Protein backbone atom coordinates (compact mmCIF):
# COMPACT_ATOMS: atom_id res chain seq x y z
CA MET A 1 58.05 90.31 192.28
CA LYS A 2 54.88 88.80 190.76
CA ARG A 3 52.95 91.86 191.81
CA ILE A 4 55.40 94.19 189.98
CA LYS A 5 55.09 92.07 186.80
CA ALA A 6 51.30 92.23 187.04
CA ILE A 7 51.44 96.03 187.41
CA TYR A 8 53.71 96.31 184.34
CA ILE A 9 51.39 94.07 182.30
CA VAL A 10 48.37 96.15 183.29
CA MET A 11 50.23 99.37 182.38
CA ILE A 12 51.28 97.95 179.00
CA VAL A 13 47.78 96.69 178.17
CA THR A 14 46.25 100.02 179.24
CA SER A 15 48.77 102.00 177.17
CA LEU A 16 48.20 99.83 174.09
CA SER A 17 44.43 100.21 174.48
CA ILE A 18 44.69 104.01 174.66
CA ILE A 19 47.04 104.13 171.67
CA SER A 20 44.81 101.78 169.62
CA GLY A 21 41.69 103.77 170.44
CA SER A 22 43.42 107.04 169.58
CA LEU A 23 44.61 105.69 166.23
CA TYR A 24 41.16 104.39 165.43
CA TYR A 25 39.72 107.82 166.25
CA ILE A 26 42.33 109.67 164.14
CA LEU A 27 41.66 107.37 161.17
CA GLY A 28 37.94 108.19 161.38
CA GLY A 29 36.78 104.91 162.86
CA PHE A 30 34.09 106.52 164.97
CA ASP A 31 32.61 108.45 162.02
CA PRO A 32 29.18 106.97 161.31
CA VAL A 33 28.38 105.51 157.90
CA ARG A 34 24.89 106.75 157.09
CA ILE A 35 22.81 106.66 153.94
CA TYR A 36 21.47 110.06 152.93
CA PHE A 37 18.63 110.69 150.52
CA PHE A 38 18.88 113.41 147.86
CA GLY A 39 16.53 114.59 145.15
CA GLY A 40 17.16 114.12 141.47
CA THR A 41 19.91 115.56 139.36
CA THR A 42 21.56 115.44 135.98
CA ARG A 43 25.27 114.72 135.86
CA THR A 44 27.64 114.81 132.91
CA VAL A 45 30.87 112.85 133.17
CA ILE A 46 33.72 113.38 130.72
CA GLY A 47 36.21 110.55 130.76
CA ARG A 48 37.23 107.19 129.37
CA GLU A 49 35.65 103.75 129.52
CA TYR A 50 37.63 100.75 130.77
CA ILE A 51 36.93 97.08 131.28
CA LEU A 52 39.35 96.03 133.98
CA PRO A 53 40.02 92.89 135.98
CA ASP A 54 38.30 92.88 139.37
CA ASP A 55 41.52 94.04 141.05
CA ASN A 56 41.91 97.36 142.84
CA LYS A 57 45.43 97.80 141.40
CA TYR A 58 44.15 98.33 137.82
CA PHE A 59 41.37 100.62 138.97
CA GLN A 60 43.85 102.73 140.95
CA GLN A 61 46.14 103.06 137.90
CA GLN A 62 43.27 104.48 135.83
CA MET A 63 42.25 106.80 138.67
CA ASP A 64 45.83 108.11 138.81
CA ILE A 65 45.69 108.83 135.07
CA ALA A 66 42.40 110.74 135.55
CA LYS A 67 43.93 112.70 138.46
CA ALA A 68 46.85 113.62 136.21
CA ASP A 69 44.41 114.77 133.50
CA LEU A 70 42.65 116.96 136.07
CA SER A 71 45.95 118.40 137.33
CA ALA A 72 47.14 119.11 133.77
CA GLY A 73 43.88 120.91 132.97
CA ASN A 74 42.78 118.36 130.35
CA LEU A 75 39.66 117.75 132.45
CA LYS A 76 37.71 120.09 134.69
CA GLY A 77 35.37 119.09 137.48
CA MET A 78 35.32 116.53 140.27
CA LEU A 79 37.14 113.21 139.92
CA THR A 80 34.45 110.62 139.28
CA ALA A 81 34.25 106.88 138.68
CA VAL A 82 31.08 105.26 137.37
CA ILE A 83 31.15 101.55 138.13
CA TYR A 84 28.94 99.18 136.16
CA ARG A 85 28.33 95.75 137.62
CA ASP A 86 27.75 93.65 134.51
CA GLU A 87 27.01 89.98 135.16
CA ASN A 88 28.24 89.11 131.63
CA LEU A 89 31.77 90.19 132.60
CA GLN A 90 32.73 87.41 134.98
CA ASP A 91 36.06 88.55 136.43
CA SER A 92 36.02 92.11 135.10
CA ILE A 93 34.25 95.36 135.87
CA ARG A 94 33.30 98.13 133.45
CA TYR A 95 34.27 101.66 134.54
CA PHE A 96 33.80 105.15 133.16
CA ILE A 97 36.45 107.29 134.86
CA GLY A 98 36.85 111.04 134.46
CA ALA A 99 35.43 114.28 135.82
CA SER A 100 31.85 115.30 136.67
CA GLN A 101 30.35 118.46 135.28
CA ASP A 102 27.10 120.09 136.32
CA SER A 103 25.97 119.93 132.71
CA ILE A 104 27.42 119.58 129.24
CA LYS A 105 26.62 123.29 128.68
CA GLY A 106 29.55 124.20 130.93
CA VAL A 107 32.00 122.40 128.65
CA ALA A 108 33.36 124.41 125.71
CA ARG A 109 34.65 121.27 124.00
CA ILE A 110 35.32 117.67 124.86
CA PRO A 111 39.08 117.02 124.87
CA ALA A 112 40.47 114.56 122.32
CA GLY A 113 40.46 110.96 123.52
CA PHE A 114 37.59 111.55 125.94
CA ASP A 115 33.92 110.68 125.79
CA TYR A 116 30.97 112.11 127.68
CA ARG A 117 27.95 110.53 129.26
CA GLN A 118 24.95 112.19 130.78
CA TYR A 119 23.00 110.58 133.63
CA ARG A 120 19.62 111.57 135.09
CA THR A 121 17.67 110.46 138.12
CA GLU A 122 14.88 111.58 140.42
CA LYS A 123 16.33 110.11 143.65
CA ILE A 124 19.80 109.35 144.99
CA TYR A 125 21.10 107.35 147.95
CA LYS A 126 24.47 108.70 149.04
CA ILE A 127 27.09 107.72 151.62
CA PHE A 128 29.98 110.01 152.55
CA ILE A 129 33.18 108.14 153.38
CA THR A 130 35.64 110.06 155.58
CA GLN A 131 37.51 107.13 157.09
CA SER A 132 41.05 106.15 156.17
CA ASP A 133 41.59 103.34 153.64
CA TRP A 134 42.65 101.06 156.50
CA ILE A 135 39.32 101.09 158.32
CA ARG A 136 36.65 102.21 155.85
CA PRO A 137 33.88 99.81 154.90
CA THR A 138 34.44 97.66 151.82
CA PRO A 139 32.71 98.60 148.54
CA GLU A 140 30.68 95.40 148.83
CA SER A 141 29.39 96.33 152.29
CA ILE A 142 28.52 99.85 151.12
CA GLU A 143 26.63 98.48 148.13
CA GLU A 144 24.85 95.98 150.38
CA MET A 145 23.77 98.78 152.75
CA MET A 146 22.30 100.72 149.85
CA LEU A 147 20.59 97.65 148.39
CA ILE A 148 18.96 96.90 151.75
CA LYS A 149 17.80 100.52 152.05
CA SER A 150 16.32 100.45 148.54
CA ILE A 151 14.48 97.19 149.26
CA GLU A 152 13.10 98.63 152.52
CA GLU A 153 11.81 101.66 150.61
CA GLY A 154 10.53 99.68 147.62
CA GLU A 155 12.96 101.30 145.18
CA VAL A 156 14.89 99.73 142.29
CA LEU A 157 18.54 100.76 141.87
CA LYS A 158 20.16 101.59 138.55
CA PRO A 159 22.93 99.16 137.53
CA TYR A 160 25.78 101.53 138.26
CA THR A 161 27.44 103.30 141.16
CA PHE A 162 29.03 106.75 141.27
CA GLU A 163 32.14 107.42 143.34
CA LEU A 164 32.95 111.12 143.71
CA TYR A 165 36.38 112.02 145.08
CA TYR A 166 36.91 115.26 147.02
CA GLN A 167 40.06 117.34 147.49
CA ASP A 168 40.40 116.44 151.18
CA GLY A 169 40.80 112.71 150.44
CA SER A 170 37.24 111.75 151.33
CA PHE A 171 34.74 110.49 148.80
CA SER A 172 31.07 109.69 148.41
CA VAL A 173 29.28 106.71 146.93
CA GLU A 174 25.96 107.17 145.16
CA LYS A 175 23.37 104.69 143.96
CA TRP A 176 20.69 106.15 141.72
CA ILE A 177 17.06 105.08 141.70
CA GLN A 178 15.19 103.91 138.58
CA HIS A 179 12.17 106.06 137.81
């Protein structure tokens, strides 16, 4: 009888291990998180500025509004969040959320209620995130990885981060280098 119980326990543990590993694989857990280096670019972002509490709920609400603006045709481009880490804002974060354009020349007019900002850099560190929300690295760990890479290479990072959101649900995080 004890032997049958032991066999059942082994079968259950084996089954749970296979299921857990499969779920982890499906959610993208085995996708590597690598920092890529890209040359310089100029990016124009049309959107709105927010100072929000350091709580993902408020950020997500503003991202949903920007997605709705893109769907309605009020904005054109790729959904983008520029995140400024300002030490003067203790429990808040400053965001500029909207849509990226290749240049301001491609925009016939800036829609009412929106602003535009143009950013330039010579070098970019970029990480592509394909994992599900449940298992992806935290924003803090991503930023730490990029900070370590910049220190190793003797580079100074600009005080903001770009998050670019793609149609397939993945996104990329960029830190730009001071020239």
